Structure formats: C-alpha cells, structure tokens
Amino acid sequence: MSANGDKTVVIQGGTLIDGAGNAPAENDALVIEGNRIRSIGPLPAGVDPANPDNIEVIDASGHWIMPGLIDAHTHLSYGHPKLPGEARGGGTTRPEFNTIRAAWNAQKVLRAGVTAISVPGGPWFTDVAVRDAIRLGLVEGPRVFAAGRMIATYGSIEDEEPSWVGTSDHSLGTLCNSAAEMVKEVRRQAKHGVDFVKMADSRSGDTQCISQAEMEAVVAEAHRRNIRVAIHSRGAGSTRDAALAKLDWIIHADLAGDAELEAVAEAGVRVMPTATFVERLLIWGREVGQDVVQIDLTHIERRMEKMGEMLQKLRALGVTVLCGTDSGNYPWMPYGELHGNEPDILVRYGGYTPIEAISCATRNNAFAIGLEDDLGVLAEGRLADVIVLDADPVDDISVLKGGAHLVMVIKDGHVVDLDRLAVKAGELKFKAESGRRDRAV
C-alpha cells in the first residue's frame, strides 16, 4: 500500500457517483484527511492544492469516482486455488498454509477495487485471523467481516462427510442438531471473535433442515452478543422461516415464491441472491462440457431464469438487496475477477438501474460488514474507501467487472499500489529435484 503519510488527499475533477442512489454529479473536490472524507464540493479553508508538502492532488478529470466495491459473499479460506505440488489431506490443506493463502487471496481482492468483504464461513477461524492481520497492518487486504464454521444439521449444505467419518475440524460446518447445541456454538464462535454467524440449510433447498424455532434461538443469542446472523437458504420454507425469525440477511432465496418473498419484505429482512455463482456455473459448464461439470446444465439454465424472476420480485417489493459473488467457493470462482459481476446481473436480469445496482454493491452491502453508517457512500465524515474508473459504470454497468477499468483504489485513506502483488494464482512452481520452491513471476 502506498501510504500518503500525513498529507491531505484531494481528488479533483471527474464525475462523482456517491453510492447513495443520487444521480452522478460533477466533482469539484473530494478531500480526504486521515482515513475519513473531510468534504465534498468546494475546497475547505486551509486546503491549498498548491502546497505539495501537505497536499496530494489526484487529477480525476475524465474519470468516474465512486465508493469502493463491497463483496458481501467471498470465501477467503476455502483452499482455492490449489497450487501445483500442494499437499492435501481428506479435506482442505493444513491450517497454517491455508491461512497464508487466504491472506494472499485478500490482496488480489483488494486490487480488484473491493475495499471490504463479508466472509460467510470457512474452516477453523482462519478468516478471523486474516481479518485481524489486515486490521493490524501485517498484510494488505480489504476490510473483513468474518463468520466461522457454518451452523449445520444433518442434511445441511456443510454436512458433507460420510456418517462413519463424522464432522471433522476441517469441515466448513459444525454439526448442531438442537437449538441448545446451536446456542452453545454461537457462544463458542463469539469467544473466538466472529463478526456474524452463518446458518446452513440444505444445499439445493429441496429439504428444510433448520426450524424457525432453532433460527430464533440463534438470532436471540447472537444479537444479545452484538453478532449478526445470516443463512444459506434456497428453499421456500427456510426462507419464510428465516424472515419470521428476523435473521439479518438471507443468502440465495431463489426457490422462494411470492408468499415467501412477501414475508421477507414485511419483515424487512435483506436478501443476498448471489446470482454470480449460478451464472458462472452455467458459463463454466458450457466451456468445459456437461460431462466434466456432472450437472444438468438445462437445470442450471432454469435456475438462472428463476433467479432473474426473483430479482424482479425483490425490486418490486422494495426488499433491500445485497451483492455477493461466492468468489473462492470453487476453483472456477477466482479471486479478483468476479466481484463486479453481481451489479451487472441485477441490471440484466432484475431490471435494476445502474445507479440502483451500484448502491446495492456499496451502500446496501455496508450492512453486511457492520459499517452501514460509515461506509459504502461518499459523504462527509465517512470512511475514505474510494475507487476511480476510466469508464462510466452508469452508462455501462459491466465496466465494474474484473477490474478492467480500475485506475485507482483508496482504502482507509491510503492509495493502494495496484502493481505490488507480483505472484498470481497458478504461477508458483515447485522444483522437486532440488527441493527449492521457486517463484515464477
């Protein structure tokens, strides 16, 4: 990260997109002092761009300025991508190596213009450790709001091991089959410093694995400890019960019908569709062939169509939508490449305007990292997470994808060196003949 020292940063010129849903406006001057936005508009008294000793001026003429993107569904510690020569056991790699890899992944996410992420689950408490290392300045990365292992029951998405193996420590879920066990797990995770708890219903939503009463018990305990609660819920019943139990947000909800979505709207619960994962699965499946994917692509096509219908219903009902991509969930969900895809899907499938979609990925998503009053909007007093683009995302929302039009990233008032990360996924080579591990750049 290229620190600005004690200098005041002044971004002059360009077009300002504030993330709050307002129309783009001509930027006079956005002034950053420390890690906060001091002002937007005319230069305040005492700020003189002609004084290079105290002022760093950034000329954004012909560019677009907006809040840093927030990806509210990124898995840093799932062990992807696997590196050539990496040793693995029955589950993921060893925790020490995985923690280093997760910190490395975080740097790639930041350099895609994503200044904050919500991490909904992973093995051990890896993401909590990476969060703290970033916060303390040991490594670079976005702000991290971290969950621990998902609370799962028999049949839940993370109850993956055979019955004779049980639920091992490396599992992404911890098995709890009663409300009392779930409350105990909330307390354990709170002790380990999680920011929120994620519950896990069934993978495809065909069976409801967690009851409303169990959800209510988790919410009551978590909220008492100032911890939020989210749930993986594709099915109609689990989505309805999650709304009635007042969970903080529901992930997916794509099999919910009108009645269930109306219950979500009435309860004021947020929804994170994570449509990027479904579309990416469809694209990847077409690329490699159905035999490789081993999933009925026609089924995935129907799922994407249904996802689009749900997005339109959520917009019509006024439900607050959060943007998450599921990056890091599989090798074909790479870090740094998909974080801007969800706003594009909201526009193409859901009928959202580009301004609405940008607000979903900034202002709305700030809730999923616990900073709804401090981040996601460019305004006086807010945290200074800013990106600068060389193309207009309101004219074409797809310019947010892949960081292709990213000119500058400012996180916490500091300019990020976008060229510093030299090693990319797949570029580590191991020389078995010498035992040395060389880096190919």
Protein backbone atom coordinates (compact mmCIF):
# COMPACT_ATOMS: atom_id res chain seq x y z
CA MET A 1 0.00 0.00 0.00
CA SER A 2 1.35 3.41 -0.93
CA ALA A 3 0.77 5.48 2.19
CA ASN A 4 0.05 9.17 1.91
CA GLY A 5 1.73 9.92 5.24
CA ASP A 6 0.13 12.91 6.92
CA LYS A 7 -0.85 14.54 3.65
CA THR A 8 -4.38 15.60 2.86
CA VAL A 9 -5.58 13.92 -0.35
CA VAL A 10 -7.60 16.00 -2.79
CA ILE A 11 -9.35 14.30 -5.73
CA GLN A 12 -10.28 16.98 -8.25
CA GLY A 13 -12.36 16.77 -11.39
CA GLY A 14 -14.20 13.80 -12.80
CA THR A 15 -17.73 12.56 -12.16
CA LEU A 16 -18.86 11.57 -8.68
CA ILE A 17 -21.17 8.58 -8.09
CA ASP A 18 -21.88 8.71 -4.36
CA GLY A 19 -23.34 5.22 -3.82
CA ALA A 20 -26.39 6.65 -2.07
CA GLY A 21 -28.53 6.46 -5.19
CA ASN A 22 -28.17 10.07 -6.29
CA ALA A 23 -27.53 10.98 -9.91
CA PRO A 24 -23.87 11.32 -10.94
CA ALA A 25 -22.54 14.82 -10.35
CA GLU A 26 -19.57 16.85 -11.48
CA ASN A 27 -16.83 16.56 -8.89
CA ASP A 28 -15.27 19.76 -7.60
CA ALA A 29 -13.05 18.32 -4.89
CA LEU A 30 -13.24 15.27 -2.65
CA VAL A 31 -10.97 15.91 0.34
CA ILE A 32 -9.58 13.07 2.48
CA GLU A 33 -7.89 13.65 5.82
CA GLY A 34 -6.59 10.62 7.65
CA ASN A 35 -8.97 7.77 6.87
CA ARG A 36 -12.10 9.94 6.55
CA ILE A 37 -13.71 12.10 3.91
CA ARG A 38 -13.46 15.67 5.16
CA SER A 39 -15.57 17.30 2.47
CA ILE A 40 -17.08 17.01 -0.99
CA GLY A 41 -17.57 20.18 -3.01
CA PRO A 42 -15.62 23.43 -2.85
CA LEU A 43 -12.22 23.21 -1.19
CA PRO A 44 -12.48 23.92 2.55
CA ALA A 45 -10.49 26.73 4.14
CA GLY A 46 -6.85 25.91 4.67
CA VAL A 47 -6.65 23.26 1.93
CA ASP A 48 -4.33 24.63 -0.74
CA PRO A 49 -3.51 22.28 -3.64
CA ALA A 50 -0.54 24.49 -4.46
CA ASN A 51 1.21 23.30 -1.27
CA PRO A 52 2.76 19.91 -2.19
CA ASP A 53 4.25 19.45 1.27
CA ASN A 54 0.84 18.96 2.86
CA ILE A 55 -1.45 18.14 -0.07
CA GLU A 56 -1.51 15.25 -2.52
CA VAL A 57 -3.63 16.18 -5.53
CA ILE A 58 -5.19 13.50 -7.73
CA ASP A 59 -6.50 14.74 -11.07
CA ALA A 60 -9.56 12.64 -11.92
CA SER A 61 -10.59 14.61 -14.99
CA GLY A 62 -12.35 12.34 -17.47
CA HIS A 63 -12.77 9.64 -14.83
CA TRP A 64 -15.51 8.35 -12.54
CA ILE A 65 -15.23 8.32 -8.74
CA MET A 66 -17.32 6.01 -6.56
CA PRO A 67 -17.19 4.13 -3.24
CA GLY A 68 -15.01 1.04 -3.08
CA LEU A 69 -16.92 -2.08 -4.02
CA ILE A 70 -18.07 -4.39 -1.24
CA ASP A 71 -18.43 -8.10 -1.97
CA ALA A 72 -20.72 -9.47 0.72
CA HIS A 73 -20.02 -13.12 -0.13
CA THR A 74 -16.36 -14.01 -0.58
CA HIS A 75 -14.75 -17.16 0.86
CA LEU A 76 -11.09 -16.42 1.54
CA SER A 77 -10.18 -19.69 3.23
CA TYR A 78 -11.81 -22.46 1.19
CA GLY A 79 -8.39 -23.52 -0.11
CA HIS A 80 -8.66 -22.26 -3.69
CA PRO A 81 -6.90 -22.18 -5.98
CA LYS A 82 -4.97 -25.35 -5.30
CA LEU A 83 -1.30 -24.79 -6.05
CA PRO A 84 0.89 -27.20 -8.03
CA GLY A 85 2.63 -29.54 -5.61
CA GLU A 86 0.40 -28.66 -2.68
CA ALA A 87 -0.15 -31.46 -0.18
CA ARG A 88 -3.71 -32.07 0.97
CA GLY A 89 -5.48 -34.42 3.29
CA GLY A 90 -9.06 -35.61 3.16
CA GLY A 91 -10.40 -32.08 3.42
CA THR A 92 -8.64 -28.82 2.80
CA THR A 93 -4.94 -28.17 3.21
CA ARG A 94 -3.27 -27.75 6.60
CA PRO A 95 -4.49 -24.70 8.54
CA GLU A 96 -1.15 -22.89 8.71
CA PHE A 97 -0.67 -22.98 4.93
CA ASN A 98 -4.31 -22.15 4.33
CA THR A 99 -4.08 -19.02 6.47
CA ILE A 100 -1.15 -17.72 4.42
CA ARG A 101 -3.03 -18.49 1.21
CA ALA A 102 -6.14 -16.68 2.47
CA ALA A 103 -4.07 -13.57 3.23
CA TRP A 104 -2.59 -13.78 -0.26
CA ASN A 105 -6.08 -14.09 -1.76
CA ALA A 106 -7.17 -10.98 0.14
CA GLN A 107 -4.55 -8.89 -1.65
CA LYS A 108 -5.96 -9.89 -5.04
CA VAL A 109 -9.48 -8.98 -3.91
CA LEU A 110 -8.33 -5.51 -2.83
CA ARG A 111 -6.64 -4.90 -6.16
CA ALA A 112 -9.92 -5.58 -7.95
CA GLY A 113 -11.39 -2.44 -6.35
CA VAL A 114 -13.05 -4.33 -3.49
CA THR A 115 -12.27 -2.48 -0.27
CA ALA A 116 -14.46 -4.60 2.02
CA ILE A 117 -15.76 -8.16 2.07
CA SER A 118 -18.08 -10.27 4.16
CA VAL A 119 -16.79 -13.84 4.57
CA PRO A 120 -19.72 -16.20 5.27
CA GLY A 121 -17.90 -19.20 6.60
CA GLY A 122 -14.69 -21.16 6.36
CA PRO A 123 -12.63 -23.81 8.18
CA TRP A 124 -11.37 -23.23 11.71
CA PHE A 125 -11.20 -19.47 12.45
CA THR A 126 -8.89 -18.68 9.55
CA ASP A 127 -10.87 -15.70 8.29
CA VAL A 128 -10.96 -14.13 11.75
CA ALA A 129 -7.16 -14.35 11.86
CA VAL A 130 -6.78 -12.82 8.40
CA ARG A 131 -9.22 -10.06 9.36
CA ASP A 132 -7.12 -9.18 12.39
CA ALA A 133 -3.85 -9.32 10.44
CA ILE A 134 -5.25 -6.86 7.89
CA ARG A 135 -6.65 -4.62 10.61
CA LEU A 136 -3.27 -4.53 12.38
CA GLY A 137 -1.36 -3.82 9.18
CA LEU A 138 0.51 -7.13 8.97
CA VAL A 139 -0.86 -7.83 5.49
CA GLU A 140 -2.81 -5.91 2.90
CA GLY A 141 -6.40 -6.62 2.08
CA PRO A 142 -9.95 -5.33 2.18
CA ARG A 143 -11.86 -4.80 5.39
CA VAL A 144 -13.08 -8.22 6.50
CA PHE A 145 -16.32 -9.08 8.34
CA ALA A 146 -15.91 -12.74 9.21
CA ALA A 147 -18.02 -15.71 10.19
CA GLY A 148 -16.64 -19.04 11.43
CA ARG A 149 -17.79 -22.51 10.50
CA MET A 150 -21.43 -22.65 9.47
CA ILE A 151 -24.01 -23.97 11.90
CA ALA A 152 -25.27 -27.12 10.20
CA THR A 153 -27.61 -30.01 10.93
CA TYR A 154 -27.81 -33.46 9.40
CA GLY A 155 -28.60 -32.84 5.73
CA SER A 156 -27.35 -29.25 5.69
CA ILE A 157 -25.08 -27.98 2.93
CA GLU A 158 -21.95 -28.47 5.03
CA ASP A 159 -22.82 -31.90 6.47
CA GLU A 160 -20.65 -33.41 3.75
CA GLU A 161 -18.67 -36.17 5.42
CA PRO A 162 -19.99 -39.78 5.40
CA SER A 163 -21.81 -40.81 8.55
CA TRP A 164 -18.95 -43.10 9.62
CA VAL A 165 -16.47 -40.18 9.48
CA GLY A 166 -18.48 -37.54 11.30
CA THR A 167 -17.88 -33.81 11.12
CA SER A 168 -14.15 -33.17 11.22
CA ASP A 169 -12.39 -29.98 12.32
CA HIS A 170 -11.54 -29.06 8.74
CA SER A 171 -15.22 -29.12 7.76
CA LEU A 172 -16.85 -25.86 6.76
CA GLY A 173 -19.76 -26.67 9.06
CA THR A 174 -20.15 -27.58 12.70
CA LEU A 175 -22.91 -30.07 13.42
CA CYS A 176 -25.65 -28.88 15.80
CA ASN A 177 -28.90 -30.81 15.96
CA SER A 178 -30.87 -28.86 18.56
CA ALA A 179 -31.48 -25.25 19.46
CA ALA A 180 -29.41 -25.72 22.63
CA GLU A 181 -26.42 -27.01 20.63
CA MET A 182 -26.75 -24.09 18.23
CA VAL A 183 -26.80 -21.54 21.06
CA LYS A 184 -23.70 -23.17 22.54
CA GLU A 185 -21.94 -22.88 19.17
CA VAL A 186 -22.89 -19.21 18.88
CA ARG A 187 -21.26 -18.62 22.26
CA ARG A 188 -18.13 -20.53 21.23
CA GLN A 189 -17.81 -18.59 17.99
CA ALA A 190 -18.41 -15.30 19.80
CA LYS A 191 -15.49 -16.14 22.11
CA HIS A 192 -13.32 -16.67 19.03
CA GLY A 193 -14.22 -13.23 17.72
CA VAL A 194 -16.55 -13.79 14.77
CA ASP A 195 -18.48 -10.81 13.42
CA PHE A 196 -21.51 -12.86 12.42
CA VAL A 197 -22.86 -16.39 12.42
CA LYS A 198 -23.91 -18.25 9.30
CA MET A 199 -26.51 -21.00 9.41
CA ALA A 200 -26.66 -23.64 6.68
CA ASP A 201 -29.88 -25.13 5.32
CA SER A 202 -29.87 -27.79 2.59
CA ARG A 203 -27.68 -27.33 -0.48
CA SER A 204 -30.44 -27.17 -3.09
CA GLY A 205 -33.38 -26.14 -0.92
CA ASP A 206 -35.33 -29.32 -1.56
CA THR A 207 -35.44 -30.10 2.19
CA GLN A 208 -35.71 -27.71 5.12
CA CYS A 209 -33.08 -28.70 7.68
CA ILE A 210 -33.39 -25.91 10.26
CA SER A 211 -36.63 -24.95 12.00
CA GLN A 212 -37.93 -21.47 12.72
CA ALA A 213 -37.56 -22.11 16.46
CA GLU A 214 -33.87 -23.01 16.00
CA MET A 215 -33.31 -19.89 13.92
CA GLU A 216 -34.98 -17.75 16.58
CA ALA A 217 -32.75 -19.23 19.28
CA VAL A 218 -29.61 -18.43 17.27
CA VAL A 219 -30.79 -14.90 16.49
CA ALA A 220 -31.63 -14.19 20.13
CA GLU A 221 -28.23 -15.35 21.39
CA ALA A 222 -26.22 -13.76 18.60
CA HIS A 223 -27.96 -10.41 18.79
CA ARG A 224 -27.54 -10.38 22.55
CA ARG A 225 -23.81 -10.57 21.86
CA ASN A 226 -23.97 -7.92 19.09
CA ILE A 227 -23.35 -10.54 16.40
CA ARG A 228 -25.41 -10.74 13.22
CA VAL A 229 -26.90 -13.86 11.64
CA ALA A 230 -27.18 -14.95 8.00
CA ILE A 231 -28.42 -18.18 6.47
CA HIS A 232 -27.82 -20.19 3.32
CA SER A 233 -31.44 -20.73 2.26
CA ARG A 234 -32.62 -21.63 -1.22
CA GLY A 235 -35.92 -23.24 -0.26
CA ALA A 236 -39.29 -21.57 0.21
CA GLY A 237 -39.90 -22.85 3.75
CA SER A 238 -36.50 -21.96 5.14
CA THR A 239 -36.66 -18.52 3.51
CA ARG A 240 -40.06 -17.82 5.06
CA ASP A 241 -38.94 -19.02 8.49
CA ALA A 242 -35.71 -17.01 8.27
CA ALA A 243 -37.78 -13.89 7.63
CA LEU A 244 -40.11 -14.66 10.54
CA ALA A 245 -37.12 -15.32 12.80
CA LYS A 246 -35.69 -11.91 11.79
CA LEU A 247 -32.31 -13.08 10.56
CA ASP A 248 -30.18 -10.20 9.32
CA TRP A 249 -29.92 -11.44 5.74
CA ILE A 250 -30.85 -14.45 3.64
CA ILE A 251 -28.43 -15.85 1.09
CA HIS A 252 -29.95 -17.07 -2.23
CA ALA A 253 -33.74 -17.48 -1.61
CA ASP A 254 -34.13 -18.37 -5.28
CA LEU A 255 -36.77 -21.08 -4.74
CA ALA A 256 -38.99 -18.81 -2.65
CA GLY A 257 -42.38 -17.98 -4.12
CA ASP A 258 -44.46 -14.83 -3.94
CA ALA A 259 -45.81 -15.53 -0.45
CA GLU A 260 -42.36 -16.19 0.99
CA LEU A 261 -40.82 -13.10 -0.61
CA GLU A 262 -43.73 -11.01 0.66
CA ALA A 263 -42.96 -12.33 4.15
CA VAL A 264 -39.33 -11.27 3.66
CA ALA A 265 -40.43 -7.79 2.60
CA GLU A 266 -42.85 -7.45 5.52
CA ALA A 267 -40.13 -8.49 7.98
CA GLY A 268 -37.64 -6.03 6.48
CA VAL A 269 -35.02 -8.76 6.05
CA ARG A 270 -32.30 -8.30 3.43
CA VAL A 271 -31.62 -10.81 0.63
CA MET A 272 -28.29 -11.66 -0.99
CA PRO A 273 -29.13 -13.58 -4.20
CA THR A 274 -25.52 -14.47 -5.12
CA ALA A 275 -26.61 -14.87 -8.73
CA THR A 276 -23.00 -14.59 -9.90
CA PHE A 277 -22.34 -18.14 -8.74
CA VAL A 278 -25.25 -19.57 -10.72
CA GLU A 279 -24.35 -17.68 -13.89
CA ARG A 280 -20.67 -18.56 -13.54
CA LEU A 281 -21.56 -22.25 -13.10
CA LEU A 282 -23.60 -22.09 -16.29
CA ILE A 283 -20.83 -20.37 -18.27
CA TRP A 284 -18.12 -22.67 -16.94
CA GLY A 285 -20.25 -25.73 -17.61
CA ARG A 286 -20.71 -24.72 -21.23
CA GLU A 287 -16.97 -24.14 -21.55
CA VAL A 288 -15.81 -27.49 -20.19
CA GLY A 289 -18.82 -29.62 -21.09
CA GLN A 290 -21.55 -31.31 -19.11
CA ASP A 291 -19.51 -34.48 -18.63
CA VAL A 292 -16.92 -32.51 -16.66
CA VAL A 293 -19.43 -30.49 -14.66
CA GLN A 294 -21.63 -33.54 -13.99
CA ILE A 295 -24.61 -31.24 -13.54
CA ASP A 296 -27.63 -30.93 -15.81
CA LEU A 297 -26.95 -27.57 -17.48
CA THR A 298 -30.58 -27.31 -18.56
CA HIS A 299 -31.46 -27.34 -14.86
CA ILE A 300 -28.92 -24.55 -14.21
CA GLU A 301 -30.40 -22.52 -17.08
CA ARG A 302 -33.84 -22.81 -15.46
CA ARG A 303 -32.33 -21.88 -12.10
CA MET A 304 -30.83 -18.72 -13.62
CA GLU A 305 -34.16 -17.80 -15.20
CA LYS A 306 -35.86 -18.28 -11.85
CA MET A 307 -33.16 -16.18 -10.22
CA GLY A 308 -33.98 -13.38 -12.64
CA GLU A 309 -37.67 -13.60 -11.79
CA MET A 310 -36.84 -13.44 -8.11
CA LEU A 311 -34.64 -10.36 -8.59
CA GLN A 312 -37.52 -8.60 -10.32
CA LYS A 313 -39.89 -9.51 -7.47
CA LEU A 314 -37.43 -8.30 -4.84
CA ARG A 315 -37.15 -4.95 -6.60
CA ALA A 316 -40.92 -4.62 -6.93
CA LEU A 317 -41.39 -5.45 -3.23
CA GLY A 318 -38.74 -2.97 -2.13
CA VAL A 319 -36.57 -5.63 -0.46
CA THR A 320 -33.03 -4.45 0.27
CA VAL A 321 -30.70 -6.49 -1.94
CA LEU A 322 -27.07 -7.19 -1.07
CA CYS A 323 -24.42 -8.13 -3.64
CA GLY A 324 -22.30 -11.22 -3.13
CA THR A 325 -20.48 -13.40 -5.64
CA ASP A 326 -19.34 -16.57 -3.81
CA SER A 327 -15.79 -15.94 -5.05
CA GLY A 328 -13.39 -18.56 -3.74
CA ASN A 329 -16.09 -21.20 -3.38
CA TYR A 330 -14.65 -23.34 -6.20
CA PRO A 331 -11.52 -23.20 -8.38
CA TRP A 332 -13.63 -21.74 -11.17
CA MET A 333 -14.71 -18.85 -8.91
CA PRO A 334 -11.36 -16.99 -8.90
CA TYR A 335 -10.50 -14.06 -6.66
CA GLY A 336 -10.26 -10.64 -8.24
CA GLU A 337 -12.28 -11.46 -11.35
CA LEU A 338 -15.97 -11.75 -10.44
CA HIS A 339 -16.57 -9.19 -7.69
CA GLY A 340 -18.18 -6.67 -10.05
CA ASN A 341 -20.45 -9.21 -11.76
CA GLU A 342 -23.41 -9.05 -9.38
CA PRO A 343 -24.42 -5.42 -10.17
CA ASP A 344 -24.29 -6.33 -13.87
CA ILE A 345 -26.66 -9.27 -13.25
CA LEU A 346 -29.05 -7.05 -11.28
CA VAL A 347 -29.31 -4.78 -14.33
CA ARG A 348 -29.54 -7.52 -16.97
CA TYR A 349 -31.88 -9.90 -15.13
CA GLY A 350 -33.56 -7.87 -12.40
CA GLY A 351 -34.44 -4.62 -14.14
CA TYR A 352 -32.37 -2.51 -11.74
CA THR A 353 -30.93 0.75 -12.99
CA PRO A 354 -27.12 1.00 -12.90
CA ILE A 355 -27.38 3.55 -10.07
CA GLU A 356 -29.56 1.14 -8.06
CA ALA A 357 -27.18 -1.74 -8.72
CA ILE A 358 -24.16 0.33 -7.64
CA SER A 359 -25.94 1.21 -4.40
CA CYS A 360 -26.58 -2.49 -3.77
CA ALA A 361 -22.83 -3.17 -4.07
CA THR A 362 -21.82 -0.22 -1.89
CA ARG A 363 -24.38 1.38 0.44
CA ASN A 364 -26.53 -1.73 0.95
CA ASN A 365 -23.53 -4.03 1.35
CA ALA A 366 -22.07 -1.89 4.12
CA PHE A 367 -24.65 -3.56 6.39
CA ALA A 368 -23.10 -6.96 5.70
CA ILE A 369 -19.79 -5.75 7.13
CA GLY A 370 -21.28 -3.91 10.11
CA LEU A 371 -20.47 -0.41 8.81
CA GLU A 372 -23.79 0.76 7.39
CA ASP A 373 -23.34 4.23 8.93
CA ASP A 374 -19.69 4.56 7.96
CA LEU A 375 -19.03 3.04 4.55
CA GLY A 376 -20.50 2.49 1.11
CA VAL A 377 -21.40 6.13 0.48
CA LEU A 378 -19.12 9.03 -0.44
CA ALA A 379 -20.12 11.70 2.05
CA GLU A 380 -18.55 13.97 4.63
CA GLY A 381 -17.34 12.07 7.68
CA ARG A 382 -17.49 8.63 6.06
CA LEU A 383 -14.55 6.25 5.82
CA ALA A 384 -12.40 7.00 2.79
CA ASP A 385 -12.74 3.88 0.62
CA VAL A 386 -12.79 5.15 -2.96
CA ILE A 387 -12.17 3.79 -6.44
CA VAL A 388 -11.54 5.68 -9.68
CA LEU A 389 -12.55 4.26 -13.07
CA ASP A 390 -11.69 5.23 -16.63
CA ALA A 391 -15.19 4.34 -17.90
CA ASP A 392 -18.72 5.26 -16.85
CA PRO A 393 -20.49 2.48 -14.89
CA VAL A 394 -23.82 4.28 -15.22
CA ASP A 395 -23.60 4.17 -18.99
CA ASP A 396 -22.40 0.55 -18.90
CA ILE A 397 -22.52 -1.27 -15.56
CA SER A 398 -20.29 -4.05 -16.92
CA VAL A 399 -17.22 -1.80 -16.64
CA LEU A 400 -17.13 -2.83 -12.96
CA LYS A 401 -16.34 -6.42 -13.92
CA GLY A 402 -12.86 -7.80 -13.48
CA GLY A 403 -11.22 -4.51 -12.53
CA ALA A 404 -10.52 -3.86 -16.21
CA HIS A 405 -11.34 -0.15 -15.92
CA LEU A 406 -9.85 0.40 -12.50
CA VAL A 407 -7.43 3.33 -12.29
CA MET A 408 -7.03 3.80 -8.54
CA VAL A 409 -8.04 2.19 -5.26
CA ILE A 410 -8.03 4.12 -2.00
CA LYS A 411 -8.71 2.15 1.16
CA ASP A 412 -8.87 3.81 4.55
CA GLY A 413 -7.44 6.99 3.07
CA HIS A 414 -4.37 5.31 1.52
CA VAL A 415 -3.66 4.72 -2.15
CA VAL A 416 -3.14 1.03 -2.95
CA ASP A 417 -0.18 0.08 -5.11
CA LEU A 418 -2.01 -1.91 -7.78
CA ASP A 419 1.21 -3.37 -9.20
CA ARG A 420 2.68 -4.66 -5.97
CA LEU A 421 1.21 -8.16 -5.99
CA ALA A 422 3.63 -9.92 -8.30
CA VAL A 423 2.64 -13.55 -7.84
CA LYS A 424 -0.69 -14.67 -9.26
CA ALA A 425 -2.64 -17.88 -8.91
CA GLY A 426 -1.04 -20.77 -10.71
CA GLU A 427 2.36 -19.09 -11.05
CA LEU A 428 4.03 -20.89 -8.17
CA LYS A 429 6.27 -23.67 -9.46
CA PHE A 430 7.93 -26.32 -7.37
CA LYS A 431 11.27 -27.90 -8.30
CA ALA A 432 11.20 -31.37 -6.84
CA GLU A 433 14.72 -32.18 -8.00
CA SER A 434 16.30 -29.53 -5.77
CA GLY A 435 13.68 -29.26 -3.08
CA ARG A 436 13.60 -25.49 -3.69
CA ARG A 437 10.38 -23.60 -4.20
CA ASP A 438 10.81 -21.02 -6.93
CA ARG A 439 8.52 -18.20 -7.80
CA ALA A 440 7.72 -17.60 -11.43
CA VAL A 441 6.67 -14.02 -11.99
